[in-house]
Amino acid sequence: MALIDCPECKRQISDMASSCIHCGYPIDSVTTISGPKETPKSLGLLAGNPNFDSDAIDDVRHQTSQPPPKPEIIINYFGVFSLGLGAASIVVPYFAAVFFVPVALICGFVSIWQKKKLLGVIGIVLSIVGIVRIVDISNELHEAQRNVEKSIQQLKQIRP
């Protein structure tokens, strides 16, 4: 293993590296600064030609080679919103949960539609738990309302 100079930033790197660790420039496995390591078959056919210019091929190779694309970090906002609002719908008061659940469901389905399934599915599951909580609280409120109406009827019977 030897050290060579990167063609782009001129810093030293290993001759075994596939790209420069400093600037990311791809290091061609066919040629390096020290010369060709191996010759592809298509270049070997040209090498017998007296007009063959290997330096021109190297220039073209370095001009057309581009550094590998950097991975993009894609934030799935709809999945995050679905997850957050679904979780919030479980712990916030009833009147807020009524608004959070539909938005969390919509964001969850949009997230799944964008092929970001994990956060979307978790958000939808939390939204369903929020729906169950809303239904339970609604039933308790209706029961309390019925009890109040019964109490009012009883008071009306006592005091005509």
N, C-alpha and C. Protein backbone atom coordinates (compact mmCIF):
# COMPACT_ATOMS: atom_id res chain seq x y z
N MET A 1 0.85 -1.17 0.00
CA MET A 1 0.00 0.00 0.00
C MET A 1 0.89 1.23 0.00
N ALA A 2 0.65 2.11 -0.94
CA ALA A 2 1.44 3.33 -1.07
C ALA A 2 0.54 4.54 -0.98
N LEU A 3 1.15 5.69 -0.72
CA LEU A 3 0.42 6.94 -0.69
C LEU A 3 0.55 7.64 -2.04
N ILE A 4 -0.55 8.16 -2.52
CA ILE A 4 -0.55 8.90 -3.77
C ILE A 4 -1.21 10.25 -3.52
N ASP A 5 -1.03 11.18 -4.45
CA ASP A 5 -1.68 12.48 -4.34
C ASP A 5 -3.04 12.43 -5.03
N CYS A 6 -4.03 13.01 -4.35
CA CYS A 6 -5.37 13.11 -4.95
C CYS A 6 -5.30 14.06 -6.14
N PRO A 7 -5.86 13.71 -7.29
CA PRO A 7 -5.83 14.59 -8.45
C PRO A 7 -6.60 15.89 -8.23
N GLU A 8 -7.53 15.88 -7.32
CA GLU A 8 -8.37 17.07 -7.11
C GLU A 8 -7.77 18.02 -6.07
N CYS A 9 -7.56 17.53 -4.84
CA CYS A 9 -7.10 18.41 -3.76
C CYS A 9 -5.60 18.31 -3.48
N LYS A 10 -4.90 17.39 -4.15
CA LYS A 10 -3.45 17.21 -4.05
C LYS A 10 -2.98 16.76 -2.66
N ARG A 11 -3.87 16.24 -1.83
CA ARG A 11 -3.48 15.71 -0.52
C ARG A 11 -3.20 14.22 -0.66
N GLN A 12 -2.43 13.66 0.25
CA GLN A 12 -2.04 12.27 0.14
C GLN A 12 -3.15 11.34 0.64
N ILE A 13 -3.34 10.28 -0.15
CA ILE A 13 -4.32 9.25 0.19
C ILE A 13 -3.74 7.89 -0.16
N SER A 14 -4.39 6.84 0.31
CA SER A 14 -3.95 5.48 0.00
C SER A 14 -4.25 5.16 -1.46
N ASP A 15 -3.37 4.39 -2.09
CA ASP A 15 -3.62 3.99 -3.47
C ASP A 15 -4.73 2.94 -3.56
N MET A 16 -5.14 2.40 -2.43
CA MET A 16 -6.22 1.42 -2.39
C MET A 16 -7.60 2.09 -2.21
N ALA A 17 -7.63 3.39 -1.92
CA ALA A 17 -8.89 4.09 -1.66
C ALA A 17 -9.70 4.23 -2.95
N SER A 18 -11.01 4.11 -2.82
CA SER A 18 -11.88 4.28 -3.98
C SER A 18 -12.22 5.75 -4.20
N SER A 19 -12.08 6.57 -3.14
CA SER A 19 -12.29 8.00 -3.27
C SER A 19 -11.42 8.71 -2.23
N CYS A 20 -11.18 9.98 -2.47
CA CYS A 20 -10.35 10.78 -1.57
C CYS A 20 -11.09 10.98 -0.25
N ILE A 21 -10.41 10.74 0.86
CA ILE A 21 -11.04 10.90 2.17
C ILE A 21 -11.17 12.37 2.55
N HIS A 22 -10.48 13.25 1.82
CA HIS A 22 -10.51 14.67 2.14
C HIS A 22 -11.58 15.42 1.35
N CYS A 23 -11.64 15.18 0.03
CA CYS A 23 -12.57 15.93 -0.81
C CYS A 23 -13.64 15.06 -1.46
N GLY A 24 -13.54 13.72 -1.36
CA GLY A 24 -14.53 12.83 -1.93
C GLY A 24 -14.35 12.53 -3.40
N TYR A 25 -13.29 13.02 -4.00
CA TYR A 25 -13.05 12.80 -5.43
C TYR A 25 -12.84 11.31 -5.67
N PRO A 26 -13.55 10.71 -6.66
CA PRO A 26 -13.39 9.28 -6.91
C PRO A 26 -12.03 8.99 -7.54
N ILE A 27 -11.38 7.97 -7.04
CA ILE A 27 -10.08 7.57 -7.56
C ILE A 27 -10.32 6.44 -8.54
N ASP A 28 -9.91 6.63 -9.77
CA ASP A 28 -10.13 5.66 -10.83
C ASP A 28 -9.25 4.44 -10.59
N SER A 29 -9.85 3.25 -10.68
CA SER A 29 -9.08 2.02 -10.45
C SER A 29 -8.18 1.69 -11.63
N VAL A 30 -8.42 2.31 -12.80
CA VAL A 30 -7.61 1.99 -13.97
C VAL A 30 -6.31 2.78 -13.95
N THR A 31 -6.37 4.05 -13.62
CA THR A 31 -5.16 4.87 -13.60
C THR A 31 -5.06 5.63 -12.30
N THR A 32 -3.84 5.86 -11.90
CA THR A 32 -3.55 6.72 -10.76
C THR A 32 -2.45 7.66 -11.20
N ILE A 33 -1.94 8.41 -10.27
CA ILE A 33 -0.86 9.34 -10.60
C ILE A 33 0.37 8.59 -11.10
N SER A 34 0.60 7.39 -10.53
CA SER A 34 1.80 6.64 -10.91
C SER A 34 1.67 5.96 -12.27
N GLY A 35 0.46 5.90 -12.85
CA GLY A 35 0.31 5.28 -14.16
C GLY A 35 -0.75 4.21 -14.14
N PRO A 36 -0.96 3.55 -15.27
CA PRO A 36 -2.04 2.56 -15.33
C PRO A 36 -1.75 1.34 -14.48
N LYS A 37 -2.78 0.87 -13.76
CA LYS A 37 -2.66 -0.37 -13.01
C LYS A 37 -3.06 -1.53 -13.91
N GLU A 38 -4.16 -1.34 -14.64
CA GLU A 38 -4.63 -2.37 -15.56
C GLU A 38 -5.26 -1.67 -16.75
N THR A 39 -5.29 -2.33 -17.84
CA THR A 39 -5.85 -1.74 -19.06
C THR A 39 -7.09 -2.50 -19.44
N PRO A 40 -8.21 -1.81 -19.55
CA PRO A 40 -9.41 -2.50 -20.01
C PRO A 40 -9.23 -3.01 -21.43
N LYS A 41 -10.04 -4.01 -21.80
CA LYS A 41 -9.90 -4.60 -23.13
C LYS A 41 -10.10 -3.58 -24.23
N SER A 42 -11.05 -2.66 -24.06
CA SER A 42 -11.31 -1.68 -25.12
C SER A 42 -10.11 -0.76 -25.31
N LEU A 43 -9.40 -0.42 -24.23
CA LEU A 43 -8.22 0.42 -24.37
C LEU A 43 -7.04 -0.38 -24.90
N GLY A 44 -7.00 -1.68 -24.61
CA GLY A 44 -5.91 -2.52 -25.11
C GLY A 44 -5.94 -2.61 -26.63
N LEU A 45 -7.13 -2.61 -27.22
CA LEU A 45 -7.24 -2.64 -28.68
C LEU A 45 -6.70 -1.36 -29.29
N LEU A 46 -6.91 -0.24 -28.59
CA LEU A 46 -6.42 1.03 -29.11
C LEU A 46 -4.91 1.20 -28.90
N ALA A 47 -4.36 0.48 -27.92
CA ALA A 47 -2.96 0.67 -27.58
C ALA A 47 -2.03 0.27 -28.73
N GLY A 48 -2.46 -0.64 -29.60
CA GLY A 48 -1.63 -1.03 -30.74
C GLY A 48 -1.61 0.02 -31.84
N ASN A 49 -2.51 0.96 -31.78
CA ASN A 49 -2.61 2.01 -32.79
C ASN A 49 -1.53 3.07 -32.52
N PRO A 50 -0.71 3.46 -33.53
CA PRO A 50 0.34 4.46 -33.29
C PRO A 50 -0.24 5.84 -32.97
N ASN A 51 -1.49 6.09 -33.33
CA ASN A 51 -2.10 7.39 -33.04
C ASN A 51 -2.80 7.41 -31.67
N PHE A 52 -2.71 6.32 -30.93
CA PHE A 52 -3.37 6.22 -29.64
C PHE A 52 -2.68 7.12 -28.62
N ASP A 53 -3.46 7.97 -27.96
CA ASP A 53 -2.93 8.89 -26.94
C ASP A 53 -3.56 8.54 -25.60
N SER A 54 -2.82 7.81 -24.78
CA SER A 54 -3.37 7.36 -23.50
C SER A 54 -3.63 8.54 -22.57
N ASP A 55 -2.85 9.60 -22.70
CA ASP A 55 -3.08 10.78 -21.85
C ASP A 55 -4.43 11.42 -22.15
N ALA A 56 -4.83 11.42 -23.42
CA ALA A 56 -6.12 11.99 -23.78
C ALA A 56 -7.25 11.16 -23.17
N ILE A 57 -7.08 9.82 -23.16
CA ILE A 57 -8.09 8.96 -22.54
C ILE A 57 -8.17 9.25 -21.05
N ASP A 58 -7.01 9.41 -20.40
CA ASP A 58 -7.00 9.72 -18.97
C ASP A 58 -7.68 11.05 -18.70
N ASP A 59 -7.45 12.05 -19.56
CA ASP A 59 -8.09 13.36 -19.38
C ASP A 59 -9.59 13.24 -19.48
N VAL A 60 -10.05 12.48 -20.48
CA VAL A 60 -11.50 12.30 -20.65
C VAL A 60 -12.07 11.55 -19.46
N ARG A 61 -11.36 10.55 -18.99
CA ARG A 61 -11.83 9.75 -17.87
C ARG A 61 -11.98 10.63 -16.63
N HIS A 62 -11.04 11.50 -16.36
CA HIS A 62 -11.11 12.35 -15.18
C HIS A 62 -12.14 13.46 -15.36
N GLN A 63 -12.41 13.89 -16.57
CA GLN A 63 -13.42 14.92 -16.80
C GLN A 63 -14.82 14.35 -16.63
N THR A 64 -15.02 13.12 -17.05
CA THR A 64 -16.37 12.55 -16.98
C THR A 64 -16.68 11.92 -15.64
N SER A 65 -15.66 11.57 -14.87
CA SER A 65 -15.95 10.95 -13.58
C SER A 65 -16.35 12.05 -12.60
N GLN A 66 -17.46 11.82 -11.94
CA GLN A 66 -17.96 12.76 -10.96
C GLN A 66 -17.95 12.09 -9.61
N PRO A 67 -17.81 12.90 -8.57
CA PRO A 67 -17.86 12.28 -7.24
C PRO A 67 -19.23 11.66 -7.01
N PRO A 68 -19.28 10.62 -6.20
CA PRO A 68 -20.57 9.97 -5.95
C PRO A 68 -21.52 10.95 -5.27
N PRO A 69 -22.81 10.84 -5.57
CA PRO A 69 -23.75 11.76 -4.95
C PRO A 69 -23.82 11.54 -3.44
N LYS A 70 -23.94 12.63 -2.72
CA LYS A 70 -24.04 12.53 -1.27
C LYS A 70 -25.45 12.09 -0.92
N PRO A 71 -25.58 11.20 0.06
CA PRO A 71 -26.92 10.74 0.42
C PRO A 71 -27.74 11.89 1.00
N GLU A 72 -28.98 11.97 0.59
CA GLU A 72 -29.87 13.01 1.08
C GLU A 72 -30.59 12.50 2.32
N ILE A 73 -30.70 13.36 3.29
CA ILE A 73 -31.47 13.02 4.47
C ILE A 73 -32.86 13.59 4.24
N ILE A 74 -33.80 12.69 4.08
CA ILE A 74 -35.16 13.10 3.79
C ILE A 74 -35.97 12.97 5.07
N ILE A 75 -36.50 14.09 5.49
CA ILE A 75 -37.32 14.08 6.69
C ILE A 75 -38.77 13.92 6.26
N ASN A 76 -39.41 12.95 6.79
CA ASN A 76 -40.79 12.68 6.47
C ASN A 76 -41.66 13.50 7.41
N TYR A 77 -41.94 14.75 7.00
CA TYR A 77 -42.69 15.65 7.87
C TYR A 77 -44.09 15.12 8.16
N PHE A 78 -44.74 14.54 7.17
CA PHE A 78 -46.09 14.03 7.41
C PHE A 78 -46.07 12.89 8.42
N GLY A 79 -45.06 12.02 8.33
CA GLY A 79 -44.95 10.94 9.30
C GLY A 79 -44.68 11.45 10.70
N VAL A 80 -43.82 12.46 10.80
CA VAL A 80 -43.50 13.04 12.12
C VAL A 80 -44.75 13.71 12.69
N PHE A 81 -45.48 14.47 11.85
CA PHE A 81 -46.71 15.12 12.33
C PHE A 81 -47.74 14.07 12.74
N SER A 82 -47.88 13.02 11.96
CA SER A 82 -48.83 11.97 12.29
C SER A 82 -48.49 11.33 13.63
N LEU A 83 -47.22 11.03 13.81
CA LEU A 83 -46.77 10.42 15.06
C LEU A 83 -47.00 11.37 16.23
N GLY A 84 -46.59 12.62 16.08
CA GLY A 84 -46.73 13.59 17.17
C GLY A 84 -48.18 13.88 17.51
N LEU A 85 -49.00 14.12 16.50
CA LEU A 85 -50.40 14.44 16.76
C LEU A 85 -51.16 13.22 17.26
N GLY A 86 -50.81 12.03 16.75
CA GLY A 86 -51.45 10.81 17.25
C GLY A 86 -51.13 10.58 18.72
N ALA A 87 -49.87 10.80 19.10
CA ALA A 87 -49.49 10.66 20.52
C ALA A 87 -50.15 11.75 21.36
N ALA A 88 -50.20 12.95 20.82
CA ALA A 88 -50.81 14.06 21.56
C ALA A 88 -52.29 13.83 21.77
N SER A 89 -52.95 13.20 20.80
CA SER A 89 -54.40 12.98 20.92
C SER A 89 -54.73 12.05 22.09
N ILE A 90 -53.75 11.31 22.55
CA ILE A 90 -53.97 10.40 23.67
C ILE A 90 -53.87 11.14 25.00
N VAL A 91 -53.05 12.18 25.07
CA VAL A 91 -52.78 12.82 26.35
C VAL A 91 -53.40 14.20 26.51
N VAL A 92 -53.81 14.85 25.43
CA VAL A 92 -54.36 16.20 25.56
C VAL A 92 -55.83 16.11 25.97
N PRO A 93 -56.39 17.23 26.43
CA PRO A 93 -57.82 17.21 26.79
C PRO A 93 -58.71 16.85 25.60
N TYR A 94 -59.91 16.46 25.92
CA TYR A 94 -60.87 15.96 24.94
C TYR A 94 -61.08 16.92 23.78
N PHE A 95 -61.30 18.19 24.08
CA PHE A 95 -61.62 19.15 23.01
C PHE A 95 -60.46 19.33 22.04
N ALA A 96 -59.22 19.17 22.49
CA ALA A 96 -58.07 19.28 21.59
C ALA A 96 -57.88 17.98 20.80
N ALA A 97 -58.12 16.86 21.44
CA ALA A 97 -57.96 15.56 20.77
C ALA A 97 -58.90 15.42 19.59
N VAL A 98 -60.08 16.03 19.68
CA VAL A 98 -61.05 15.97 18.59
C VAL A 98 -60.47 16.59 17.32
N PHE A 99 -59.63 17.60 17.49
CA PHE A 99 -59.01 18.24 16.32
C PHE A 99 -57.71 17.54 15.89
N PHE A 100 -56.99 16.98 16.84
CA PHE A 100 -55.70 16.34 16.52
C PHE A 100 -55.87 15.04 15.74
N VAL A 101 -56.87 14.25 16.10
CA VAL A 101 -57.01 12.92 15.50
C VAL A 101 -57.20 12.97 13.99
N PRO A 102 -58.12 13.78 13.45
CA PRO A 102 -58.27 13.78 11.99
C PRO A 102 -57.00 14.23 11.26
N VAL A 103 -56.31 15.23 11.81
CA VAL A 103 -55.09 15.71 11.17
C VAL A 103 -54.01 14.62 11.23
N ALA A 104 -53.92 13.93 12.35
CA ALA A 104 -52.94 12.85 12.48
C ALA A 104 -53.24 11.72 11.49
N LEU A 105 -54.51 11.39 11.32
CA LEU A 105 -54.88 10.35 10.35
C LEU A 105 -54.52 10.76 8.92
N ILE A 106 -54.84 11.99 8.57
CA ILE A 106 -54.53 12.47 7.21
C ILE A 106 -53.02 12.45 6.98
N CYS A 107 -52.27 12.97 7.94
CA CYS A 107 -50.80 12.97 7.79
C CYS A 107 -50.25 11.55 7.71
N GLY A 108 -50.82 10.63 8.47
CA GLY A 108 -50.39 9.23 8.41
C GLY A 108 -50.62 8.62 7.05
N PHE A 109 -51.79 8.87 6.47
CA PHE A 109 -52.07 8.32 5.14
C PHE A 109 -51.21 8.96 4.06
N VAL A 110 -50.95 10.25 4.18
CA VAL A 110 -50.06 10.92 3.22
C VAL A 110 -48.65 10.35 3.33
N SER A 111 -48.20 10.11 4.55
CA SER A 111 -46.88 9.53 4.77
C SER A 111 -46.77 8.15 4.12
N ILE A 112 -47.80 7.34 4.28
CA ILE A 112 -47.80 6.02 3.65
C ILE A 112 -47.83 6.15 2.14
N TRP A 113 -48.60 7.10 1.63
CA TRP A 113 -48.68 7.34 0.19
C TRP A 113 -47.32 7.76 -0.37
N GLN A 114 -46.51 8.46 0.45
CA GLN A 114 -45.17 8.86 0.03
C GLN A 114 -44.15 7.74 0.24
N LYS A 115 -44.62 6.56 0.56
CA LYS A 115 -43.79 5.37 0.75
C LYS A 115 -42.86 5.48 1.96
N LYS A 116 -43.29 6.22 2.96
CA LYS A 116 -42.59 6.31 4.25
C LYS A 116 -43.51 5.68 5.29
N LYS A 117 -43.58 4.38 5.25
CA LYS A 117 -44.64 3.66 5.94
C LYS A 117 -44.52 3.64 7.46
N LEU A 118 -43.33 3.52 8.00
CA LEU A 118 -43.18 3.27 9.43
C LEU A 118 -43.83 4.35 10.28
N LEU A 119 -43.43 5.61 10.09
CA LEU A 119 -44.00 6.68 10.90
C LEU A 119 -45.49 6.85 10.62
N GLY A 120 -45.89 6.68 9.37
CA GLY A 120 -47.30 6.81 9.03
C GLY A 120 -48.15 5.77 9.73
N VAL A 121 -47.70 4.52 9.73
CA VAL A 121 -48.47 3.45 10.38
C VAL A 121 -48.53 3.67 11.89
N ILE A 122 -47.41 4.05 12.48
CA ILE A 122 -47.41 4.31 13.93
C ILE A 122 -48.34 5.47 14.25
N GLY A 123 -48.30 6.52 13.44
CA GLY A 123 -49.19 7.66 13.66
C GLY A 123 -50.64 7.28 13.53
N ILE A 124 -50.97 6.44 12.56
CA ILE A 124 -52.35 5.99 12.38
C ILE A 124 -52.80 5.14 13.57
N VAL A 125 -51.93 4.26 14.04
CA VAL A 125 -52.28 3.43 15.21
C VAL A 125 -52.53 4.32 16.43
N LEU A 126 -51.65 5.31 16.64
CA LEU A 126 -51.86 6.22 17.77
C LEU A 126 -53.14 7.03 17.59
N SER A 127 -53.46 7.38 16.36
CA SER A 127 -54.71 8.11 16.09
C SER A 127 -55.92 7.24 16.41
N ILE A 128 -55.83 5.96 16.09
CA ILE A 128 -56.94 5.05 16.41
C ILE A 128 -57.11 4.93 17.92
N VAL A 129 -55.99 4.88 18.65
CA VAL A 129 -56.08 4.88 20.11
C VAL A 129 -56.72 6.19 20.58
N GLY A 130 -56.36 7.30 19.93
CA GLY A 130 -56.98 8.58 20.26
C GLY A 130 -58.47 8.57 19.98
N ILE A 131 -58.89 7.93 18.88
CA ILE A 131 -60.32 7.82 18.56
C ILE A 131 -61.05 7.02 19.64
N VAL A 132 -60.45 5.92 20.07
CA VAL A 132 -61.06 5.10 21.13
C VAL A 132 -61.21 5.94 22.39
N ARG A 133 -60.20 6.74 22.70
CA ARG A 133 -60.26 7.61 23.89
C ARG A 133 -61.37 8.65 23.74
N ILE A 134 -61.48 9.23 22.55
CA ILE A 134 -62.54 10.24 22.32
C ILE A 134 -63.92 9.61 22.47
N VAL A 135 -64.10 8.42 21.90
CA VAL A 135 -65.40 7.73 22.00
C VAL A 135 -65.72 7.41 23.46
N ASP A 136 -64.71 6.97 24.21
CA ASP A 136 -64.91 6.65 25.61
C ASP A 136 -65.31 7.90 26.40
N ILE A 137 -64.60 8.98 26.18
CA ILE A 137 -64.93 10.22 26.88
C ILE A 137 -66.31 10.73 26.45
N SER A 138 -66.63 10.59 25.16
CA SER A 138 -67.96 11.01 24.69
C SER A 138 -69.06 10.21 25.38
N ASN A 139 -68.84 8.92 25.54
CA ASN A 139 -69.82 8.08 26.24
C ASN A 139 -69.97 8.51 27.70
N GLU A 140 -68.84 8.83 28.34
CA GLU A 140 -68.90 9.31 29.72
C GLU A 140 -69.65 10.63 29.81
N LEU A 141 -69.42 11.52 28.83
CA LEU A 141 -70.12 12.81 28.83
C LEU A 141 -71.62 12.61 28.62
N HIS A 142 -72.01 11.70 27.73
CA HIS A 142 -73.43 11.43 27.51
C HIS A 142 -74.07 10.82 28.76
N GLU A 143 -73.35 9.94 29.40
CA GLU A 143 -73.87 9.34 30.64
C GLU A 143 -74.03 10.40 31.71
N ALA A 144 -73.07 11.30 31.83
CA ALA A 144 -73.17 12.39 32.81
C ALA A 144 -74.34 13.30 32.46
N GLN A 145 -74.54 13.57 31.17
CA GLN A 145 -75.66 14.41 30.75
C GLN A 145 -76.99 13.74 31.09
N ARG A 146 -77.11 12.45 30.89
CA ARG A 146 -78.32 11.72 31.24
C ARG A 146 -78.58 11.77 32.74
N ASN A 147 -77.51 11.64 33.53
CA ASN A 147 -77.65 11.69 34.98
C ASN A 147 -78.13 13.07 35.43
N VAL A 148 -77.61 14.11 34.79
CA VAL A 148 -78.03 15.48 35.13
C VAL A 148 -79.50 15.66 34.76
N GLU A 149 -79.91 15.18 33.60
CA GLU A 149 -81.31 15.29 33.19
C GLU A 149 -82.23 14.52 34.14
N LYS A 150 -81.80 13.33 34.59
CA LYS A 150 -82.59 12.57 35.56
C LYS A 150 -82.71 13.35 36.87
N SER A 151 -81.61 13.96 37.29
CA SER A 151 -81.63 14.73 38.54
C SER A 151 -82.57 15.92 38.42
N ILE A 152 -82.58 16.57 37.27
CA ILE A 152 -83.47 17.71 37.05
C ILE A 152 -84.93 17.24 37.08
N GLN A 153 -85.22 16.10 36.45
CA GLN A 153 -86.58 15.55 36.45
C GLN A 153 -87.02 15.21 37.87
N GLN A 154 -86.09 14.66 38.68
CA GLN A 154 -86.43 14.31 40.06
C GLN A 154 -86.71 15.58 40.88
N LEU A 155 -85.91 16.64 40.64
CA LEU A 155 -86.12 17.90 41.35
C LEU A 155 -87.44 18.52 40.96
N LYS A 156 -87.83 18.41 39.69
CA LYS A 156 -89.11 18.95 39.24
C LYS A 156 -90.28 18.19 39.87
N GLN A 157 -90.11 16.90 40.12
CA GLN A 157 -91.17 16.12 40.74
C GLN A 157 -91.30 16.47 42.22
N ILE A 158 -90.19 16.77 42.87
CA ILE A 158 -90.22 17.11 44.28
C ILE A 158 -90.80 18.51 44.46
N ARG A 159 -90.39 19.44 43.64
CA ARG A 159 -90.86 20.82 43.70
C ARG A 159 -91.75 21.11 42.51
N PRO A 160 -93.03 21.01 42.66
CA PRO A 160 -93.92 21.24 41.52
C PRO A 160 -94.04 22.68 41.14
